[in-house]
Amino acid sequence: MSRKAAILDASVALATRVGLAGWTVEQVAKDAGCAKGLVLYHYRGKTDLLDSTAQRLLLDIQRQRVAALSAGASTSALARLWWSLLEDIRSGRFAASVSLRAIGLPITAPVPIDELRTAVAAALEVAPESLADGMTIAALLDGLALQLLARRSEALVREAYDQLWVAMVVPG
């Protein structure tokens, strides 16, 4: 693994573990086992490293959602996606991602959002064209995850999650 990749891994792990309040370039360097100057050599500054961290978290969350949907029949795929949302909350990945997006970092790396739509369509056994676009589906999932992050009743959020899929497959 390259030093730059190790620094990014340390940054993602730190943001996930302590959030932005405890995230510093100094601590990233310590966790990566290098000097702060090396972090700044590979990343033009704190903002560049935070941007790369946000991009990685977004991609990781997206890939995990697609992977959850892509293995197995529709009901088990939707159950795996639910557990994926819960894991993102419990691990701190989703909170870190939201915090980084909230400070206004631009989303510069392409997030494979159409893969989410395709995976949902396959899990629901419908044509992708019959569903909302991938960005809308991701936003709906993020909204449910935000409710979990805000400590809303898991049972109530799960009910909304189930209703989401029923609404997607039942004609208006």
C-alpha atoms as a PDB file:
ATOM      1  CA  MET A   1       0.000   0.000   0.000  1.00  0.00           C
ATOM      2  CA  SER A   2       1.306   3.450  -0.843  1.00  0.00           C
ATOM      3  CA  ARG A   3       1.969   6.034   1.851  1.00  0.00           C
ATOM      4  CA  LYS A   4      -0.768   8.269   0.385  1.00  0.00           C
ATOM      5  CA  ALA A   5      -3.290   5.426   0.610  1.00  0.00           C
ATOM      6  CA  ALA A   6      -2.230   4.684   4.195  1.00  0.00           C
ATOM      7  CA  ILE A   7      -2.768   8.333   5.099  1.00  0.00           C
ATOM      8  CA  LEU A   8      -6.236   8.312   3.546  1.00  0.00           C
ATOM      9  CA  ASP A   9      -7.086   5.062   5.353  1.00  0.00           C
ATOM     10  CA  ALA A  10      -5.984   6.640   8.642  1.00  0.00           C
ATOM     11  CA  SER A  11      -8.056   9.745   7.933  1.00  0.00           C
ATOM     12  CA  VAL A  12     -11.191   7.731   7.150  1.00  0.00           C
ATOM     13  CA  ALA A  13     -10.704   5.570  10.250  1.00  0.00           C
ATOM     14  CA  LEU A  14     -10.163   8.633  12.457  1.00  0.00           C
ATOM     15  CA  ALA A  15     -13.208  10.493  11.068  1.00  0.00           C
ATOM     16  CA  THR A  16     -15.297   7.370  11.579  1.00  0.00           C
ATOM     17  CA  ARG A  17     -14.014   6.819  15.105  1.00  0.00           C
ATOM     18  CA  VAL A  18     -14.070  10.371  16.528  1.00  0.00           C
ATOM     19  CA  GLY A  19     -15.936  12.548  14.015  1.00  0.00           C
ATOM     20  CA  LEU A  20     -14.779  15.947  12.857  1.00  0.00           C
ATOM     21  CA  ALA A  21     -14.483  17.368  16.365  1.00  0.00           C
ATOM     22  CA  GLY A  22     -11.594  15.012  17.128  1.00  0.00           C
ATOM     23  CA  TRP A  23     -10.101  14.882  13.634  1.00  0.00           C
ATOM     24  CA  THR A  24      -6.783  16.674  13.115  1.00  0.00           C
ATOM     25  CA  VAL A  25      -4.022  16.415  10.540  1.00  0.00           C
ATOM     26  CA  GLU A  26      -1.641  15.721  13.415  1.00  0.00           C
ATOM     27  CA  GLN A  27      -3.696  12.754  14.596  1.00  0.00           C
ATOM     28  CA  VAL A  28      -4.037  11.437  11.040  1.00  0.00           C
ATOM     29  CA  ALA A  29      -0.252  11.564  10.722  1.00  0.00           C
ATOM     30  CA  LYS A  30       0.187   9.778  14.049  1.00  0.00           C
ATOM     31  CA  ASP A  31      -2.337   7.088  13.083  1.00  0.00           C
ATOM     32  CA  ALA A  32      -0.673   6.679   9.668  1.00  0.00           C
ATOM     33  CA  GLY A  33       2.742   6.401  11.311  1.00  0.00           C
ATOM     34  CA  CYS A  34       4.282   9.374   9.555  1.00  0.00           C
ATOM     35  CA  ALA A  35       5.121  13.027  10.046  1.00  0.00           C
ATOM     36  CA  LYS A  36       2.542  15.772   9.546  1.00  0.00           C
ATOM     37  CA  GLY A  37       4.723  17.157   6.750  1.00  0.00           C
ATOM     38  CA  LEU A  38       4.330  13.911   4.817  1.00  0.00           C
ATOM     39  CA  VAL A  39       0.547  14.179   5.087  1.00  0.00           C
ATOM     40  CA  LEU A  40       0.753  17.727   3.723  1.00  0.00           C
ATOM     41  CA  TYR A  41       3.129  16.552   0.984  1.00  0.00           C
ATOM     42  CA  HIS A  42       0.575  14.025  -0.279  1.00  0.00           C
ATOM     43  CA  TYR A  43      -2.471  16.249   0.347  1.00  0.00           C
ATOM     44  CA  ARG A  44      -2.257  19.976  -0.333  1.00  0.00           C
ATOM     45  CA  GLY A  45      -3.758  20.748   3.056  1.00  0.00           C
ATOM     46  CA  LYS A  46      -6.464  19.892   5.536  1.00  0.00           C
ATOM     47  CA  THR A  47      -9.280  20.661   3.088  1.00  0.00           C
ATOM     48  CA  ASP A  48      -7.800  18.401   0.404  1.00  0.00           C
ATOM     49  CA  LEU A  49      -7.460  15.528   2.861  1.00  0.00           C
ATOM     50  CA  LEU A  50     -10.983  16.072   4.201  1.00  0.00           C
ATOM     51  CA  ASP A  51     -12.311  16.134   0.632  1.00  0.00           C
ATOM     52  CA  SER A  52     -10.567  12.841  -0.147  1.00  0.00           C
ATOM     53  CA  THR A  53     -11.889  11.394   3.121  1.00  0.00           C
ATOM     54  CA  ALA A  54     -15.452  12.456   2.253  1.00  0.00           C
ATOM     55  CA  GLN A  55     -15.137  10.967  -1.232  1.00  0.00           C
ATOM     56  CA  ARG A  56     -13.887   7.663   0.163  1.00  0.00           C
ATOM     57  CA  LEU A  57     -16.704   7.465   2.710  1.00  0.00           C
ATOM     58  CA  LEU A  58     -19.344   8.218   0.073  1.00  0.00           C
ATOM     59  CA  LEU A  59     -17.943   5.583  -2.260  1.00  0.00           C
ATOM     60  CA  ASP A  60     -17.630   3.010   0.532  1.00  0.00           C
ATOM     61  CA  ILE A  61     -21.225   3.563   1.647  1.00  0.00           C
ATOM     62  CA  GLN A  62     -22.493   3.403  -1.937  1.00  0.00           C
ATOM     63  CA  ARG A  63     -20.534   0.238  -2.721  1.00  0.00           C
ATOM     64  CA  GLN A  64     -21.728  -1.417   0.467  1.00  0.00           C
ATOM     65  CA  ARG A  65     -25.350  -0.649  -0.417  1.00  0.00           C
ATOM     66  CA  VAL A  66     -24.976  -2.023  -3.928  1.00  0.00           C
ATOM     67  CA  ALA A  67     -23.208  -5.143  -2.625  1.00  0.00           C
ATOM     68  CA  ALA A  68     -25.989  -5.736  -0.101  1.00  0.00           C
ATOM     69  CA  LEU A  69     -28.592  -5.581  -2.844  1.00  0.00           C
ATOM     70  CA  SER A  70     -26.641  -7.579  -5.399  1.00  0.00           C
ATOM     71  CA  ALA A  71     -26.547 -10.951  -3.684  1.00  0.00           C
ATOM     72  CA  GLY A  72     -29.663 -13.045  -3.507  1.00  0.00           C
ATOM     73  CA  ALA A  73     -33.420 -12.797  -3.794  1.00  0.00           C
ATOM     74  CA  SER A  74     -35.374  -9.591  -3.289  1.00  0.00           C
ATOM     75  CA  THR A  75     -36.471 -10.041   0.318  1.00  0.00           C
ATOM     76  CA  SER A  76     -33.034 -11.102   1.504  1.00  0.00           C
ATOM     77  CA  ALA A  77     -31.411  -8.314  -0.550  1.00  0.00           C
ATOM     78  CA  LEU A  78     -33.639  -5.720   1.099  1.00  0.00           C
ATOM     79  CA  ALA A  79     -32.911  -7.221   4.524  1.00  0.00           C
ATOM     80  CA  ARG A  80     -29.168  -7.042   3.807  1.00  0.00           C
ATOM     81  CA  LEU A  81     -29.541  -3.423   2.717  1.00  0.00           C
ATOM     82  CA  TRP A  82     -31.322  -2.634   6.020  1.00  0.00           C
ATOM     83  CA  TRP A  83     -28.467  -4.244   7.970  1.00  0.00           C
ATOM     84  CA  SER A  84     -26.031  -2.269   5.851  1.00  0.00           C
ATOM     85  CA  LEU A  85     -27.751   0.980   6.884  1.00  0.00           C
ATOM     86  CA  LEU A  86     -27.593  -0.065  10.534  1.00  0.00           C
ATOM     87  CA  GLU A  87     -23.914  -0.973  10.227  1.00  0.00           C
ATOM     88  CA  ASP A  88     -23.142   2.434   8.696  1.00  0.00           C
ATOM     89  CA  ILE A  89     -24.756   4.061  11.737  1.00  0.00           C
ATOM     90  CA  ARG A  90     -23.127   1.793  14.323  1.00  0.00           C
ATOM     91  CA  SER A  91     -19.662   2.067  12.794  1.00  0.00           C
ATOM     92  CA  GLY A  92     -19.756   5.858  12.562  1.00  0.00           C
ATOM     93  CA  ARG A  93     -19.263   5.843   8.760  1.00  0.00           C
ATOM     94  CA  PHE A  94     -22.561   7.537   8.029  1.00  0.00           C
ATOM     95  CA  ALA A  95     -22.125  10.193  10.749  1.00  0.00           C
ATOM     96  CA  ALA A  96     -18.627  10.977   9.460  1.00  0.00           C
ATOM     97  CA  SER A  97     -19.933  11.214   5.904  1.00  0.00           C
ATOM     98  CA  VAL A  98     -22.748  13.567   6.931  1.00  0.00           C
ATOM     99  CA  SER A  99     -20.378  15.730   8.968  1.00  0.00           C
ATOM    100  CA  LEU A 100     -17.990  16.059   6.053  1.00  0.00           C
ATOM    101  CA  ARG A 101     -20.788  16.896   3.624  1.00  0.00           C
ATOM    102  CA  ALA A 102     -22.207  19.433   6.092  1.00  0.00           C
ATOM    103  CA  ILE A 103     -19.047  21.552   6.029  1.00  0.00           C
ATOM    104  CA  GLY A 104     -19.602  22.172   2.334  1.00  0.00           C
ATOM    105  CA  LEU A 105     -16.948  20.032   0.697  1.00  0.00           C
ATOM    106  CA  PRO A 106     -17.707  19.646  -3.009  1.00  0.00           C
ATOM    107  CA  ILE A 107     -18.405  16.140  -4.241  1.00  0.00           C
ATOM    108  CA  THR A 108     -15.794  15.913  -6.983  1.00  0.00           C
ATOM    109  CA  ALA A 109     -15.345  12.177  -7.498  1.00  0.00           C
ATOM    110  CA  PRO A 110     -18.039  10.366  -9.449  1.00  0.00           C
ATOM    111  CA  VAL A 111     -20.201   8.215  -7.204  1.00  0.00           C
ATOM    112  CA  PRO A 112     -21.613   5.240  -9.168  1.00  0.00           C
ATOM    113  CA  ILE A 113     -25.207   6.225  -8.398  1.00  0.00           C
ATOM    114  CA  ASP A 114     -26.728   4.388 -11.375  1.00  0.00           C
ATOM    115  CA  GLU A 115     -25.407   1.117  -9.943  1.00  0.00           C
ATOM    116  CA  LEU A 116     -27.705   1.654  -6.951  1.00  0.00           C
ATOM    117  CA  ARG A 117     -30.760   2.033  -9.194  1.00  0.00           C
ATOM    118  CA  THR A 118     -29.798  -1.080 -11.147  1.00  0.00           C
ATOM    119  CA  ALA A 119     -29.250  -3.097  -7.945  1.00  0.00           C
ATOM    120  CA  VAL A 120     -32.583  -1.954  -6.476  1.00  0.00           C
ATOM    121  CA  ALA A 121     -34.360  -2.862  -9.716  1.00  0.00           C
ATOM    122  CA  ALA A 122     -32.799  -6.325  -9.705  1.00  0.00           C
ATOM    123  CA  ALA A 123     -33.700  -6.867  -6.032  1.00  0.00           C
ATOM    124  CA  LEU A 124     -37.300  -5.757  -6.635  1.00  0.00           C
ATOM    125  CA  GLU A 125     -37.427  -7.621  -9.960  1.00  0.00           C
ATOM    126  CA  VAL A 126     -38.592  -4.563 -11.896  1.00  0.00           C
ATOM    127  CA  ALA A 127     -37.178  -2.614 -14.810  1.00  0.00           C
ATOM    128  CA  PRO A 128     -34.769   0.153 -13.741  1.00  0.00           C
ATOM    129  CA  GLU A 129     -36.787   2.635 -15.800  1.00  0.00           C
ATOM    130  CA  SER A 130     -39.798   2.024 -13.547  1.00  0.00           C
ATOM    131  CA  LEU A 131     -37.904   3.394 -10.539  1.00  0.00           C
ATOM    132  CA  ALA A 132     -36.790   6.822  -9.444  1.00  0.00           C
ATOM    133  CA  ASP A 133     -33.269   7.759 -10.495  1.00  0.00           C
ATOM    134  CA  GLY A 134     -30.311   6.566  -8.432  1.00  0.00           C
ATOM    135  CA  MET A 135     -29.790   9.954  -6.784  1.00  0.00           C
ATOM    136  CA  THR A 136     -33.366   9.942  -5.463  1.00  0.00           C
ATOM    137  CA  ILE A 137     -33.002   6.399  -4.132  1.00  0.00           C
ATOM    138  CA  ALA A 138     -29.717   7.315  -2.432  1.00  0.00           C
ATOM    139  CA  ALA A 139     -31.357  10.405  -0.920  1.00  0.00           C
ATOM    140  CA  LEU A 140     -34.249   8.319   0.421  1.00  0.00           C
ATOM    141  CA  LEU A 141     -31.817   5.838   1.989  1.00  0.00           C
ATOM    142  CA  ASP A 142     -29.771   8.702   3.437  1.00  0.00           C
ATOM    143  CA  GLY A 143     -32.956  10.189   4.892  1.00  0.00           C
ATOM    144  CA  LEU A 144     -33.739   6.925   6.650  1.00  0.00           C
ATOM    145  CA  ALA A 145     -30.158   6.683   7.884  1.00  0.00           C
ATOM    146  CA  LEU A 146     -30.417  10.255   9.210  1.00  0.00           C
ATOM    147  CA  GLN A 147     -33.460   9.217  11.217  1.00  0.00           C
ATOM    148  CA  LEU A 148     -31.447   6.362  12.717  1.00  0.00           C
ATOM    149  CA  LEU A 149     -28.550   8.717  13.399  1.00  0.00           C
ATOM    150  CA  ALA A 150     -30.957  11.051  15.215  1.00  0.00           C
ATOM    151  CA  ARG A 151     -31.889   8.077  17.424  1.00  0.00           C
ATOM    152  CA  ARG A 152     -35.386   7.757  16.039  1.00  0.00           C
ATOM    153  CA  SER A 153     -37.022   4.472  16.975  1.00  0.00           C
ATOM    154  CA  GLU A 154     -35.410   1.728  14.913  1.00  0.00           C
ATOM    155  CA  ALA A 155     -38.814   0.037  14.601  1.00  0.00           C
ATOM    156  CA  LEU A 156     -40.399   3.203  13.171  1.00  0.00           C
ATOM    157  CA  VAL A 157     -37.550   3.737  10.728  1.00  0.00           C
ATOM    158  CA  ARG A 158     -37.751   0.086   9.662  1.00  0.00           C
ATOM    159  CA  GLU A 159     -41.473   0.511   9.025  1.00  0.00           C
ATOM    160  CA  ALA A 160     -40.751   3.537   6.825  1.00  0.00           C
ATOM    161  CA  TYR A 161     -38.011   1.554   5.072  1.00  0.00           C
ATOM    162  CA  ASP A 162     -40.441  -1.274   4.294  1.00  0.00           C
ATOM    163  CA  GLN A 163     -43.086   1.206   3.098  1.00  0.00           C
ATOM    164  CA  LEU A 164     -40.516   2.769   0.773  1.00  0.00           C
ATOM    165  CA  TRP A 165     -40.072  -0.498  -1.116  1.00  0.00           C
ATOM    166  CA  VAL A 166     -43.800  -1.210  -1.243  1.00  0.00           C
ATOM    167  CA  ALA A 167     -44.357   2.268  -2.692  1.00  0.00           C
ATOM    168  CA  MET A 168     -41.714   1.630  -5.341  1.00  0.00           C
ATOM    169  CA  VAL A 169     -43.297  -1.553  -6.655  1.00  0.00           C
ATOM    170  CA  VAL A 170     -47.001  -0.819  -6.248  1.00  0.00           C
ATOM    171  CA  PRO A 171     -48.374   1.281  -9.127  1.00  0.00           C
ATOM    172  CA  GLY A 172     -49.534   4.777  -8.101  1.00  0.00           C
END
